[in-house]
C-alpha atoms as a PDB file:
ATOM      1  CA  MET A   1     -41.646 -11.525 -62.619  1.00  0.00           C
ATOM      2  CA  LYS A   2     -41.284 -12.760 -59.058  1.00  0.00           C
ATOM      3  CA  GLY A   3     -38.506 -11.623 -56.733  1.00  0.00           C
ATOM      4  CA  TYR A   4     -37.677  -9.497 -53.743  1.00  0.00           C
ATOM      5  CA  THR A   5     -38.025  -5.784 -53.688  1.00  0.00           C
ATOM      6  CA  LEU A   6     -35.268  -3.522 -52.478  1.00  0.00           C
ATOM      7  CA  ILE A   7     -37.321  -2.617 -49.390  1.00  0.00           C
ATOM      8  CA  GLU A   8     -37.691  -6.302 -48.445  1.00  0.00           C
ATOM      9  CA  LEU A   9     -33.945  -6.858 -48.789  1.00  0.00           C
ATOM     10  CA  VAL A  10     -33.105  -3.796 -46.700  1.00  0.00           C
ATOM     11  CA  LEU A  11     -35.610  -4.824 -43.981  1.00  0.00           C
ATOM     12  CA  THR A  12     -34.134  -8.325 -43.894  1.00  0.00           C
ATOM     13  CA  ILE A  13     -30.593  -6.968 -43.553  1.00  0.00           C
ATOM     14  CA  VAL A  14     -31.675  -4.591 -40.754  1.00  0.00           C
ATOM     15  CA  ILE A  15     -33.461  -7.378 -38.832  1.00  0.00           C
ATOM     16  CA  VAL A  16     -30.500  -9.749 -39.195  1.00  0.00           C
ATOM     17  CA  GLY A  17     -28.182  -6.934 -38.023  1.00  0.00           C
ATOM     18  CA  ILE A  18     -30.305  -6.299 -34.927  1.00  0.00           C
ATOM     19  CA  ILE A  19     -30.383 -10.002 -34.060  1.00  0.00           C
ATOM     20  CA  ALA A  20     -26.592 -10.219 -34.562  1.00  0.00           C
ATOM     21  CA  ALA A  21     -25.970  -7.169 -32.342  1.00  0.00           C
ATOM     22  CA  VAL A  22     -28.138  -8.545 -29.524  1.00  0.00           C
ATOM     23  CA  SER A  23     -26.504 -11.972 -29.815  1.00  0.00           C
ATOM     24  CA  ALA A  24     -23.027 -10.411 -29.721  1.00  0.00           C
ATOM     25  CA  GLN A  25     -23.897  -8.468 -26.549  1.00  0.00           C
ATOM     26  CA  VAL A  26     -25.120 -11.646 -24.837  1.00  0.00           C
ATOM     27  CA  LEU A  27     -21.967 -13.488 -25.907  1.00  0.00           C
ATOM     28  CA  VAL A  28     -19.644 -10.687 -24.744  1.00  0.00           C
ATOM     29  CA  ARG A  29     -21.369 -10.485 -21.340  1.00  0.00           C
ATOM     30  CA  GLY A  30     -21.106 -14.256 -20.958  1.00  0.00           C
ATOM     31  CA  ILE A  31     -17.380 -14.157 -21.729  1.00  0.00           C
ATOM     32  CA  ASP A  32     -16.904 -11.258 -19.273  1.00  0.00           C
ATOM     33  CA  ALA A  33     -18.742 -13.190 -16.537  1.00  0.00           C
ATOM     34  CA  TYR A  34     -16.652 -16.295 -17.222  1.00  0.00           C
ATOM     35  CA  THR A  35     -13.421 -14.253 -17.064  1.00  0.00           C
ATOM     36  CA  LEU A  36     -14.496 -12.607 -13.798  1.00  0.00           C
ATOM     37  CA  ILE A  37     -15.340 -15.930 -12.172  1.00  0.00           C
ATOM     38  CA  THR A  38     -12.165 -17.598 -13.423  1.00  0.00           C
ATOM     39  CA  ASN A  39      -9.908 -14.742 -12.249  1.00  0.00           C
ATOM     40  CA  ARG A  40     -11.520 -14.646  -8.799  1.00  0.00           C
ATOM     41  CA  LYS A  41     -11.353 -18.447  -8.484  1.00  0.00           C
ATOM     42  CA  ASP A  42      -7.655 -18.398  -9.380  1.00  0.00           C
ATOM     43  CA  ALA A  43      -6.992 -15.616  -6.864  1.00  0.00           C
ATOM     44  CA  LEU A  44      -8.828 -17.581  -4.172  1.00  0.00           C
ATOM     45  CA  GLN A  45      -6.824 -20.703  -4.964  1.00  0.00           C
ATOM     46  CA  HIS A  46      -3.523 -18.781  -4.759  1.00  0.00           C
ATOM     47  CA  ALA A  47      -4.585 -17.144  -1.495  1.00  0.00           C
ATOM     48  CA  ARG A  48      -5.536 -20.522  -0.003  1.00  0.00           C
ATOM     49  CA  VAL A  49      -2.292 -22.174  -1.077  1.00  0.00           C
ATOM     50  CA  GLY A  50      -0.251 -19.338   0.447  1.00  0.00           C
ATOM     51  CA  MET A  51      -2.296 -19.285   3.650  1.00  0.00           C
ATOM     52  CA  ASP A  52      -2.224 -23.083   4.015  1.00  0.00           C
ATOM     53  CA  ARG A  53       1.549 -23.128   3.586  1.00  0.00           C
ATOM     54  CA  MET A  54       1.964 -20.495   6.300  1.00  0.00           C
ATOM     55  CA  ILE A  55      -0.411 -22.302   8.662  1.00  0.00           C
ATOM     56  CA  ASP A  56       1.236 -25.697   8.106  1.00  0.00           C
ATOM     57  CA  GLU A  57       4.686 -24.374   8.938  1.00  0.00           C
ATOM     58  CA  LEU A  58       3.848 -21.895  11.690  1.00  0.00           C
ATOM     59  CA  ILE A  59       1.791 -24.431  13.623  1.00  0.00           C
ATOM     60  CA  LEU A  60       4.928 -26.565  14.024  1.00  0.00           C
ATOM     61  CA  LEU A  61       7.000 -23.766  15.586  1.00  0.00           C
ATOM     62  CA  ASN A  62       7.758 -23.194  19.202  1.00  0.00           C
ATOM     63  CA  SER A  63       8.839 -19.815  20.541  1.00  0.00           C
ATOM     64  CA  SER A  64      12.538 -20.683  20.378  1.00  0.00           C
ATOM     65  CA  LYS A  65      12.243 -21.214  16.588  1.00  0.00           C
ATOM     66  CA  ILE A  66      10.829 -17.729  15.887  1.00  0.00           C
ATOM     67  CA  SER A  67      13.707 -15.357  15.070  1.00  0.00           C
ATOM     68  CA  SER A  68      11.934 -12.094  14.227  1.00  0.00           C
ATOM     69  CA  ILE A  69       8.452 -10.636  14.047  1.00  0.00           C
ATOM     70  CA  SER A  70       6.990  -7.592  12.312  1.00  0.00           C
ATOM     71  CA  ASP A  71       3.662  -6.563  10.834  1.00  0.00           C
ATOM     72  CA  THR A  72       4.641  -7.779   7.360  1.00  0.00           C
ATOM     73  CA  LYS A  73       7.126 -10.580   8.035  1.00  0.00           C
ATOM     74  CA  ILE A  74       7.871 -13.464  10.367  1.00  0.00           C
ATOM     75  CA  GLY A  75      11.323 -15.022  10.495  1.00  0.00           C
ATOM     76  CA  PHE A  76      11.889 -18.523  11.858  1.00  0.00           C
ATOM     77  CA  TRP A  77      14.058 -21.634  11.736  1.00  0.00           C
ATOM     78  CA  ASP A  78      12.274 -24.335   9.763  1.00  0.00           C
ATOM     79  CA  ASP A  79      12.331 -28.098  10.405  1.00  0.00           C
ATOM     80  CA  THR A  80      15.734 -28.368   8.682  1.00  0.00           C
ATOM     81  CA  ASN A  81      17.095 -25.600  10.976  1.00  0.00           C
ATOM     82  CA  ALA A  82      17.430 -23.207   8.049  1.00  0.00           C
ATOM     83  CA  LEU A  83      16.594 -19.569   8.753  1.00  0.00           C
ATOM     84  CA  THR A  84      13.658 -18.500   6.560  1.00  0.00           C
ATOM     85  CA  ASN A  85      10.611 -16.254   6.610  1.00  0.00           C
ATOM     86  CA  PHE A  86       7.197 -15.476   5.203  1.00  0.00           C
ATOM     87  CA  ARG A  87       7.136 -12.022   3.649  1.00  0.00           C
ATOM     88  CA  ARG A  88       5.588  -9.792   1.032  1.00  0.00           C
ATOM     89  CA  THR A  89       8.066  -8.386  -1.476  1.00  0.00           C
ATOM     90  CA  SER A  90       8.024  -6.473  -4.745  1.00  0.00           C
ATOM     91  CA  GLN A  91       8.553  -8.379  -7.979  1.00  0.00           C
ATOM     92  CA  GLY A  92       7.946  -6.973 -11.444  1.00  0.00           C
ATOM     93  CA  GLY A  93       5.912  -4.069 -10.086  1.00  0.00           C
ATOM     94  CA  ASN A  94       3.610  -6.347  -8.059  1.00  0.00           C
ATOM     95  CA  LEU A  95       3.741  -7.345  -4.410  1.00  0.00           C
ATOM     96  CA  VAL A  96       4.046 -11.115  -4.031  1.00  0.00           C
ATOM     97  CA  LEU A  97       4.135 -13.625  -1.161  1.00  0.00           C
ATOM     98  CA  TYR A  98       7.345 -15.558  -0.557  1.00  0.00           C
ATOM     99  CA  ARG A  99       8.555 -18.168   1.892  1.00  0.00           C
ATOM    100  CA  GLY A 100      12.294 -17.692   1.828  1.00  0.00           C
ATOM    101  CA  ASP A 101      13.081 -17.982  -1.895  1.00  0.00           C
ATOM    102  CA  ASP A 102       9.883 -19.928  -2.723  1.00  0.00           C
ATOM    103  CA  PHE A 103       7.104 -18.059  -4.525  1.00  0.00           C
ATOM    104  CA  LEU A 104       3.725 -18.709  -2.868  1.00  0.00           C
ATOM    105  CA  ALA A 105       1.223 -16.245  -4.337  1.00  0.00           C
ATOM    106  CA  GLY A 106       1.143 -13.226  -6.613  1.00  0.00           C
ATOM    107  CA  ILE A 107      -0.438  -9.776  -6.507  1.00  0.00           C
ATOM    108  CA  VAL A 108      -0.660  -9.581  -2.728  1.00  0.00           C
ATOM    109  CA  GLY A 109      -2.649  -6.580  -1.587  1.00  0.00           C
ATOM    110  CA  LEU A 110      -2.083  -7.150   2.116  1.00  0.00           C
ATOM    111  CA  LEU A 111      -0.017  -9.418   4.331  1.00  0.00           C
ATOM    112  CA  ASP A 112      -0.362  -8.585   7.994  1.00  0.00           C
ATOM    113  CA  PHE A 113       0.818 -10.506  11.034  1.00  0.00           C
ATOM    114  CA  ASP A 114      -0.341  -9.777  14.577  1.00  0.00           C
ATOM    115  CA  TYR A 115       1.333 -11.551  17.487  1.00  0.00           C
ATOM    116  CA  PHE A 116      -0.063 -12.182  20.954  1.00  0.00           C
ATOM    117  CA  LYS A 117       1.264 -13.366  24.308  1.00  0.00           C
ATOM    118  CA  SER A 118      -0.377 -16.068  26.426  1.00  0.00           C
ATOM    119  CA  THR A 119      -2.311 -13.289  28.208  1.00  0.00           C
ATOM    120  CA  GLY A 120      -3.816 -12.088  24.921  1.00  0.00           C
ATOM    121  CA  ALA A 121      -1.761  -8.873  24.988  1.00  0.00           C
ATOM    122  CA  PRO A 122       0.247  -7.957  21.870  1.00  0.00           C
ATOM    123  CA  ALA A 123       3.671  -9.644  21.757  1.00  0.00           C
ATOM    124  CA  VAL A 124       6.693  -7.482  21.038  1.00  0.00           C
ATOM    125  CA  TRP A 125       9.414 -10.142  21.318  1.00  0.00           C
ATOM    126  CA  PRO A 126       9.586 -13.408  19.331  1.00  0.00           C
ATOM    127  CA  TRP A 127       9.883 -15.549  22.470  1.00  0.00           C
ATOM    128  CA  ASP A 128       6.562 -14.148  23.794  1.00  0.00           C
ATOM    129  CA  VAL A 129       4.500 -15.266  20.767  1.00  0.00           C
ATOM    130  CA  ARG A 130       1.724 -17.723  21.607  1.00  0.00           C
ATOM    131  CA  ARG A 131      -0.803 -16.844  18.897  1.00  0.00           C
ATOM    132  CA  ILE A 132      -0.352 -15.432  15.391  1.00  0.00           C
ATOM    133  CA  ASN A 133      -3.149 -13.735  13.482  1.00  0.00           C
ATOM    134  CA  ILE A 134      -2.587 -13.695   9.719  1.00  0.00           C
ATOM    135  CA  GLU A 135      -4.440 -11.519   7.232  1.00  0.00           C
ATOM    136  CA  LEU A 136      -3.759 -12.108   3.539  1.00  0.00           C
ATOM    137  CA  THR A 137      -5.441 -10.364   0.615  1.00  0.00           C
ATOM    138  CA  ILE A 138      -4.769 -11.428  -2.970  1.00  0.00           C
ATOM    139  CA  GLN A 139      -5.791  -9.195  -5.900  1.00  0.00           C
ATOM    140  CA  ALA A 140      -7.593 -10.955  -8.744  1.00  0.00           C
ATOM    141  CA  LEU A 141      -6.258 -10.507 -12.268  1.00  0.00           C
ATOM    142  CA  GLY A 142      -7.988  -7.919 -14.398  1.00  0.00           C
ATOM    143  CA  GLY A 143      -8.777  -5.678 -11.445  1.00  0.00           C
ATOM    144  CA  VAL A 144     -11.948  -7.610 -10.607  1.00  0.00           C
ATOM    145  CA  GLY A 145     -11.605  -7.412  -6.851  1.00  0.00           C
ATOM    146  CA  SER A 146      -9.630  -8.982  -4.070  1.00  0.00           C
ATOM    147  CA  ILE A 147      -9.831 -12.144  -1.982  1.00  0.00           C
ATOM    148  CA  PRO A 148      -9.277 -11.583   1.758  1.00  0.00           C
ATOM    149  CA  LEU A 149      -8.379 -14.471   4.080  1.00  0.00           C
ATOM    150  CA  ARG A 150      -7.858 -14.325   7.832  1.00  0.00           C
ATOM    151  CA  THR A 151      -6.831 -16.973  10.318  1.00  0.00           C
ATOM    152  CA  GLU A 152      -5.092 -17.429  13.605  1.00  0.00           C
ATOM    153  CA  VAL A 153      -2.380 -19.937  14.332  1.00  0.00           C
ATOM    154  CA  PHE A 154      -1.405 -21.362  17.693  1.00  0.00           C
ATOM    155  CA  PRO A 155       2.157 -22.618  17.274  1.00  0.00           C
ATOM    156  CA  ARG A 156       2.840 -26.117  18.566  1.00  0.00           C
ATOM    157  CA  GLY A 157       1.166 -26.859  21.855  1.00  0.00           C
ATOM    158  CA  PHE A 158       0.540 -23.212  22.758  1.00  0.00           C
ATOM    159  CA  MET A 159      -3.207 -23.465  22.352  1.00  0.00           C
ATOM    160  CA  TYR A 160      -3.442 -25.945  25.172  1.00  0.00           C
ATOM    161  CA  ASN A 161      -0.460 -25.019  27.309  1.00  0.00           C
ATOM    162  CA  ASN A 162       0.130 -21.614  28.795  1.00  0.00           C
ATOM    163  CA  PHE A 163      -2.725 -19.841  27.000  1.00  0.00           C
ATOM    164  CA  ARG A 164      -5.549 -18.113  28.869  1.00  0.00           C
END
């Protein structure tokens, strides 16, 4: 009588189990890598959108439009002469980036503004601001790191006029 012995069946099941376990590990690592890349790409996109929005609006300001300055917030009158600001605030246990009442980016690790006079010295008063350094860090979902962005903005005409 021809057939398989119990030892052959057990060996086959063990080999198939080993192949399945190795394949599952490869699949799980691939999914983890995809999730990491996707979360970091999304964080980068949110950071860029928030930073671009700040740059686009701050570059149009002149010193008379800036109402208040601090390390974590800049207040100004926008092109419709409405008083608004860029700030980091708490929402649902996370720090998020807002422009007035508009949500710009979530899970903000850092939002820092530094202001400088035309001489390059730190500015203390809004009317002295000629250059604004912005540092923005967005945390990626899943705790897979953070995306830091830095830039400097010369509000309207200040880069070429009255800047040393």
